[in-house]
Amino acid sequence: MTNKNITRKVFILLILSIALFTVACTQSESDVDKIGAYTTVIDKLHEEDTALNSNIEYIAIDTSLIINLDDEEKAELLKELEDYGFTVLDMTMEELKEEGYVEDLYFEEGILFEIIDEPIEGNSITMDISKWRSGLGAIGYDGMVVKYENEKWEIDKQGDAWIS
């Protein structure tokens, strides 16, 4: 074998190794469990101001505002929320009112999570999230950023907190 052939083979192996390494280290959006981003922020809010959670039977979430999950992923999110041990409703505030769950700005038997997300950028999602029980009982964060690192979602930036 000539030096030219050996050099060519080494060069080709080097290029293939770099390409393989790049593909292995780059995680595409479809490889990431996006549902985990939403359960991470819901868990955080659920654990805050636990008085809002007292004596509830329902956890409602308005999935109509979530843009980064398709219908199948939204169904998976709802299924995961069942782990809290309550009946899960996929309803907007208006639907909760129409069905009689919310009366006089009070969700007596439940809480409502609303999430307004921005498109995924790289491995981060920015969102506004709230937990609502009544006109005088709600908390939330605007501009919360969750980031996918080390194979899990973590809150990277809490954002601006608010309470009513």
C-alpha atoms as a PDB file:
ATOM      1  CA  MET A   1       0.000   0.000   0.000  1.00  0.00           C
ATOM      2  CA  THR A   2       1.335   3.412  -0.861  1.00  0.00           C
ATOM      3  CA  ASN A   3       1.570   6.359   1.485  1.00  0.00           C
ATOM      4  CA  LYS A   4      -1.010   8.143  -0.630  1.00  0.00           C
ATOM      5  CA  ASN A   5      -3.588   5.352  -0.096  1.00  0.00           C
ATOM      6  CA  ILE A   6      -2.880   5.168   3.632  1.00  0.00           C
ATOM      7  CA  THR A   7      -3.224   8.933   3.970  1.00  0.00           C
ATOM      8  CA  ARG A   8      -6.504   8.852   2.044  1.00  0.00           C
ATOM      9  CA  LYS A   9      -7.912   6.053   4.258  1.00  0.00           C
ATOM     10  CA  VAL A  10      -6.855   7.815   7.449  1.00  0.00           C
ATOM     11  CA  PHE A  11      -8.442  11.037   6.189  1.00  0.00           C
ATOM     12  CA  ILE A  12     -11.699   9.256   5.326  1.00  0.00           C
ATOM     13  CA  LEU A  13     -11.772   7.543   8.748  1.00  0.00           C
ATOM     14  CA  LEU A  14     -11.149  10.865  10.439  1.00  0.00           C
ATOM     15  CA  ILE A  15     -14.024  12.517   8.548  1.00  0.00           C
ATOM     16  CA  LEU A  16     -16.359   9.590   9.313  1.00  0.00           C
ATOM     17  CA  SER A  17     -15.398   9.695  13.007  1.00  0.00           C
ATOM     18  CA  ILE A  18     -16.118  13.412  13.210  1.00  0.00           C
ATOM     19  CA  ALA A  19     -19.468  12.973  11.456  1.00  0.00           C
ATOM     20  CA  LEU A  20     -20.457  10.091  13.743  1.00  0.00           C
ATOM     21  CA  PHE A  21     -19.415  12.028  16.858  1.00  0.00           C
ATOM     22  CA  THR A  22     -21.393  15.072  15.726  1.00  0.00           C
ATOM     23  CA  VAL A  23     -24.543  13.038  15.082  1.00  0.00           C
ATOM     24  CA  ALA A  24     -24.209  11.198  18.398  1.00  0.00           C
ATOM     25  CA  CYS A  25     -23.767  14.411  20.390  1.00  0.00           C
ATOM     26  CA  THR A  26     -26.518  16.392  18.718  1.00  0.00           C
ATOM     27  CA  GLN A  27     -29.956  15.724  20.104  1.00  0.00           C
ATOM     28  CA  SER A  28     -32.747  16.586  17.775  1.00  0.00           C
ATOM     29  CA  GLU A  29     -36.004  18.069  19.029  1.00  0.00           C
ATOM     30  CA  SER A  30     -37.806  14.822  18.211  1.00  0.00           C
ATOM     31  CA  ASP A  31     -35.407  12.858  20.465  1.00  0.00           C
ATOM     32  CA  VAL A  32     -36.298  14.925  23.529  1.00  0.00           C
ATOM     33  CA  ASP A  33     -39.227  14.010  25.766  1.00  0.00           C
ATOM     34  CA  LYS A  34     -40.931  17.401  25.514  1.00  0.00           C
ATOM     35  CA  ILE A  35     -43.675  16.334  27.919  1.00  0.00           C
ATOM     36  CA  GLY A  36     -41.090  16.436  30.693  1.00  0.00           C
ATOM     37  CA  ALA A  37     -40.712  20.200  30.220  1.00  0.00           C
ATOM     38  CA  TYR A  38     -44.386  20.696  31.019  1.00  0.00           C
ATOM     39  CA  THR A  39     -44.528  18.275  33.950  1.00  0.00           C
ATOM     40  CA  THR A  40     -41.458  20.011  35.414  1.00  0.00           C
ATOM     41  CA  VAL A  41     -43.137  23.423  35.502  1.00  0.00           C
ATOM     42  CA  ILE A  42     -46.498  22.007  36.601  1.00  0.00           C
ATOM     43  CA  ASP A  43     -44.773  20.140  39.458  1.00  0.00           C
ATOM     44  CA  LYS A  44     -43.102  23.373  40.560  1.00  0.00           C
ATOM     45  CA  LEU A  45     -46.344  25.313  40.561  1.00  0.00           C
ATOM     46  CA  HIS A  46     -48.318  22.497  42.143  1.00  0.00           C
ATOM     47  CA  GLU A  47     -45.918  22.499  45.106  1.00  0.00           C
ATOM     48  CA  GLU A  48     -46.188  26.271  45.582  1.00  0.00           C
ATOM     49  CA  ASP A  49     -49.045  27.891  47.461  1.00  0.00           C
ATOM     50  CA  THR A  50     -50.397  24.507  48.470  1.00  0.00           C
ATOM     51  CA  ALA A  51     -53.440  26.177  50.055  1.00  0.00           C
ATOM     52  CA  LEU A  52     -54.799  26.457  46.504  1.00  0.00           C
ATOM     53  CA  ASN A  53     -54.671  22.640  46.314  1.00  0.00           C
ATOM     54  CA  SER A  54     -56.731  21.976  49.458  1.00  0.00           C
ATOM     55  CA  ASN A  55     -59.842  19.837  49.094  1.00  0.00           C
ATOM     56  CA  ILE A  56     -59.635  19.577  45.309  1.00  0.00           C
ATOM     57  CA  GLU A  57     -60.966  16.763  43.174  1.00  0.00           C
ATOM     58  CA  TYR A  58     -59.903  18.083  39.759  1.00  0.00           C
ATOM     59  CA  ILE A  59     -56.781  19.270  38.031  1.00  0.00           C
ATOM     60  CA  ALA A  60     -57.679  21.083  34.848  1.00  0.00           C
ATOM     61  CA  ILE A  61     -55.178  22.113  32.209  1.00  0.00           C
ATOM     62  CA  ASP A  62     -55.807  24.237  29.162  1.00  0.00           C
ATOM     63  CA  THR A  63     -53.819  22.386  26.487  1.00  0.00           C
ATOM     64  CA  SER A  64     -55.258  24.585  23.722  1.00  0.00           C
ATOM     65  CA  LEU A  65     -52.545  27.159  24.434  1.00  0.00           C
ATOM     66  CA  ILE A  66     -49.607  24.704  24.240  1.00  0.00           C
ATOM     67  CA  ILE A  67     -47.925  24.884  20.830  1.00  0.00           C
ATOM     68  CA  ASN A  68     -44.923  22.542  21.252  1.00  0.00           C
ATOM     69  CA  LEU A  69     -46.931  19.373  21.846  1.00  0.00           C
ATOM     70  CA  ASP A  70     -49.014  17.538  19.267  1.00  0.00           C
ATOM     71  CA  ASP A  71     -52.351  15.927  20.202  1.00  0.00           C
ATOM     72  CA  GLU A  72     -50.721  12.609  21.129  1.00  0.00           C
ATOM     73  CA  GLU A  73     -48.192  14.327  23.392  1.00  0.00           C
ATOM     74  CA  LYS A  74     -50.955  16.394  25.012  1.00  0.00           C
ATOM     75  CA  ALA A  75     -52.818  13.153  25.768  1.00  0.00           C
ATOM     76  CA  GLU A  76     -49.631  11.754  27.349  1.00  0.00           C
ATOM     77  CA  LEU A  77     -49.290  14.911  29.460  1.00  0.00           C
ATOM     78  CA  LEU A  78     -52.859  14.495  30.716  1.00  0.00           C
ATOM     79  CA  LYS A  79     -52.139  10.862  31.562  1.00  0.00           C
ATOM     80  CA  GLU A  80     -49.036  11.874  33.548  1.00  0.00           C
ATOM     81  CA  LEU A  81     -51.041  14.434  35.519  1.00  0.00           C
ATOM     82  CA  GLU A  82     -53.253  11.600  36.767  1.00  0.00           C
ATOM     83  CA  ASP A  83     -50.312  10.691  39.048  1.00  0.00           C
ATOM     84  CA  TYR A  84     -51.431  13.512  41.345  1.00  0.00           C
ATOM     85  CA  GLY A  85     -54.462  11.377  42.197  1.00  0.00           C
ATOM     86  CA  PHE A  86     -57.167  13.728  40.917  1.00  0.00           C
ATOM     87  CA  THR A  87     -59.509  13.679  37.948  1.00  0.00           C
ATOM     88  CA  VAL A  88     -57.770  15.477  35.080  1.00  0.00           C
ATOM     89  CA  LEU A  89     -59.763  17.790  32.816  1.00  0.00           C
ATOM     90  CA  ASP A  90     -58.510  19.175  29.508  1.00  0.00           C
ATOM     91  CA  MET A  91     -60.570  22.359  29.505  1.00  0.00           C
ATOM     92  CA  THR A  92     -60.274  26.093  29.027  1.00  0.00           C
ATOM     93  CA  MET A  93     -61.560  28.564  31.609  1.00  0.00           C
ATOM     94  CA  GLU A  94     -64.585  29.203  29.406  1.00  0.00           C
ATOM     95  CA  GLU A  95     -65.337  25.477  29.166  1.00  0.00           C
ATOM     96  CA  LEU A  96     -65.013  25.099  32.945  1.00  0.00           C
ATOM     97  CA  LYS A  97     -67.569  27.903  33.367  1.00  0.00           C
ATOM     98  CA  GLU A  98     -69.930  26.419  30.758  1.00  0.00           C
ATOM     99  CA  GLU A  99     -69.793  22.997  32.434  1.00  0.00           C
ATOM    100  CA  GLY A 100     -70.444  24.475  35.873  1.00  0.00           C
ATOM    101  CA  TYR A 101     -67.037  23.748  37.414  1.00  0.00           C
ATOM    102  CA  VAL A 102     -66.275  27.476  37.829  1.00  0.00           C
ATOM    103  CA  GLU A 103     -68.923  29.747  39.323  1.00  0.00           C
ATOM    104  CA  ASP A 104     -68.473  33.361  40.422  1.00  0.00           C
ATOM    105  CA  LEU A 105     -64.754  33.222  39.604  1.00  0.00           C
ATOM    106  CA  TYR A 106     -64.198  30.237  41.912  1.00  0.00           C
ATOM    107  CA  PHE A 107     -63.161  26.672  41.031  1.00  0.00           C
ATOM    108  CA  GLU A 108     -64.374  25.132  44.276  1.00  0.00           C
ATOM    109  CA  GLU A 109     -63.270  21.573  43.559  1.00  0.00           C
ATOM    110  CA  GLY A 110     -60.159  22.135  41.466  1.00  0.00           C
ATOM    111  CA  ILE A 111     -57.286  24.122  40.070  1.00  0.00           C
ATOM    112  CA  LEU A 112     -56.570  25.201  36.515  1.00  0.00           C
ATOM    113  CA  PHE A 113     -53.112  25.265  34.951  1.00  0.00           C
ATOM    114  CA  GLU A 114     -52.607  27.507  31.942  1.00  0.00           C
ATOM    115  CA  ILE A 115     -49.387  27.376  29.959  1.00  0.00           C
ATOM    116  CA  ILE A 116     -48.552  29.690  27.093  1.00  0.00           C
ATOM    117  CA  ASP A 117     -45.332  28.505  25.508  1.00  0.00           C
ATOM    118  CA  GLU A 118     -43.031  29.846  22.839  1.00  0.00           C
ATOM    119  CA  PRO A 119     -41.517  27.636  20.125  1.00  0.00           C
ATOM    120  CA  ILE A 120     -38.655  25.448  21.297  1.00  0.00           C
ATOM    121  CA  GLU A 121     -35.283  27.079  20.711  1.00  0.00           C
ATOM    122  CA  GLY A 122     -32.476  24.546  20.751  1.00  0.00           C
ATOM    123  CA  ASN A 123     -32.965  22.759  24.057  1.00  0.00           C
ATOM    124  CA  SER A 124     -35.030  25.469  25.828  1.00  0.00           C
ATOM    125  CA  ILE A 125     -38.664  26.452  26.090  1.00  0.00           C
ATOM    126  CA  THR A 126     -39.876  29.786  27.445  1.00  0.00           C
ATOM    127  CA  MET A 127     -43.367  29.839  28.891  1.00  0.00           C
ATOM    128  CA  ASP A 128     -45.830  31.689  31.052  1.00  0.00           C
ATOM    129  CA  ILE A 129     -47.516  29.352  33.538  1.00  0.00           C
ATOM    130  CA  SER A 130     -50.258  29.862  36.097  1.00  0.00           C
ATOM    131  CA  LYS A 131     -52.189  27.908  38.700  1.00  0.00           C
ATOM    132  CA  TRP A 132     -55.669  29.334  39.259  1.00  0.00           C
ATOM    133  CA  ARG A 133     -58.313  28.519  41.848  1.00  0.00           C
ATOM    134  CA  SER A 134     -60.191  31.811  42.080  1.00  0.00           C
ATOM    135  CA  GLY A 135     -60.063  35.499  41.289  1.00  0.00           C
ATOM    136  CA  LEU A 136     -58.204  35.994  44.563  1.00  0.00           C
ATOM    137  CA  GLY A 137     -56.261  32.721  44.490  1.00  0.00           C
ATOM    138  CA  ALA A 138     -53.750  32.297  41.712  1.00  0.00           C
ATOM    139  CA  ILE A 139     -49.986  32.190  41.218  1.00  0.00           C
ATOM    140  CA  GLY A 140     -47.742  32.078  38.224  1.00  0.00           C
ATOM    141  CA  TYR A 141     -44.525  32.893  36.428  1.00  0.00           C
ATOM    142  CA  ASP A 142     -44.043  34.867  33.247  1.00  0.00           C
ATOM    143  CA  GLY A 143     -40.986  34.100  31.160  1.00  0.00           C
ATOM    144  CA  MET A 144     -40.017  30.848  32.866  1.00  0.00           C
ATOM    145  CA  VAL A 145     -37.328  28.997  30.916  1.00  0.00           C
ATOM    146  CA  VAL A 146     -36.910  25.235  31.082  1.00  0.00           C
ATOM    147  CA  LYS A 147     -33.810  23.681  29.588  1.00  0.00           C
ATOM    148  CA  TYR A 148     -33.028  20.107  28.587  1.00  0.00           C
ATOM    149  CA  GLU A 149     -29.613  19.121  29.926  1.00  0.00           C
ATOM    150  CA  ASN A 150     -28.121  15.850  31.142  1.00  0.00           C
ATOM    151  CA  GLU A 151     -31.158  13.968  29.819  1.00  0.00           C
ATOM    152  CA  LYS A 152     -33.720  15.855  31.935  1.00  0.00           C
ATOM    153  CA  TRP A 153     -35.651  19.127  31.976  1.00  0.00           C
ATOM    154  CA  GLU A 154     -34.742  21.691  34.602  1.00  0.00           C
ATOM    155  CA  ILE A 155     -35.897  25.211  35.293  1.00  0.00           C
ATOM    156  CA  ASP A 156     -33.110  27.415  33.970  1.00  0.00           C
ATOM    157  CA  LYS A 157     -34.766  30.760  34.731  1.00  0.00           C
ATOM    158  CA  GLN A 158     -37.721  31.169  37.055  1.00  0.00           C
ATOM    159  CA  GLY A 159     -39.064  34.283  35.363  1.00  0.00           C
ATOM    160  CA  ASP A 160     -41.238  36.951  36.953  1.00  0.00           C
ATOM    161  CA  ALA A 161     -43.404  35.613  39.770  1.00  0.00           C
ATOM    162  CA  TRP A 162     -46.880  36.943  40.465  1.00  0.00           C
ATOM    163  CA  ILE A 163     -49.668  36.161  42.905  1.00  0.00           C
ATOM    164  CA  SER A 164     -53.269  37.243  43.349  1.00  0.00           C
END
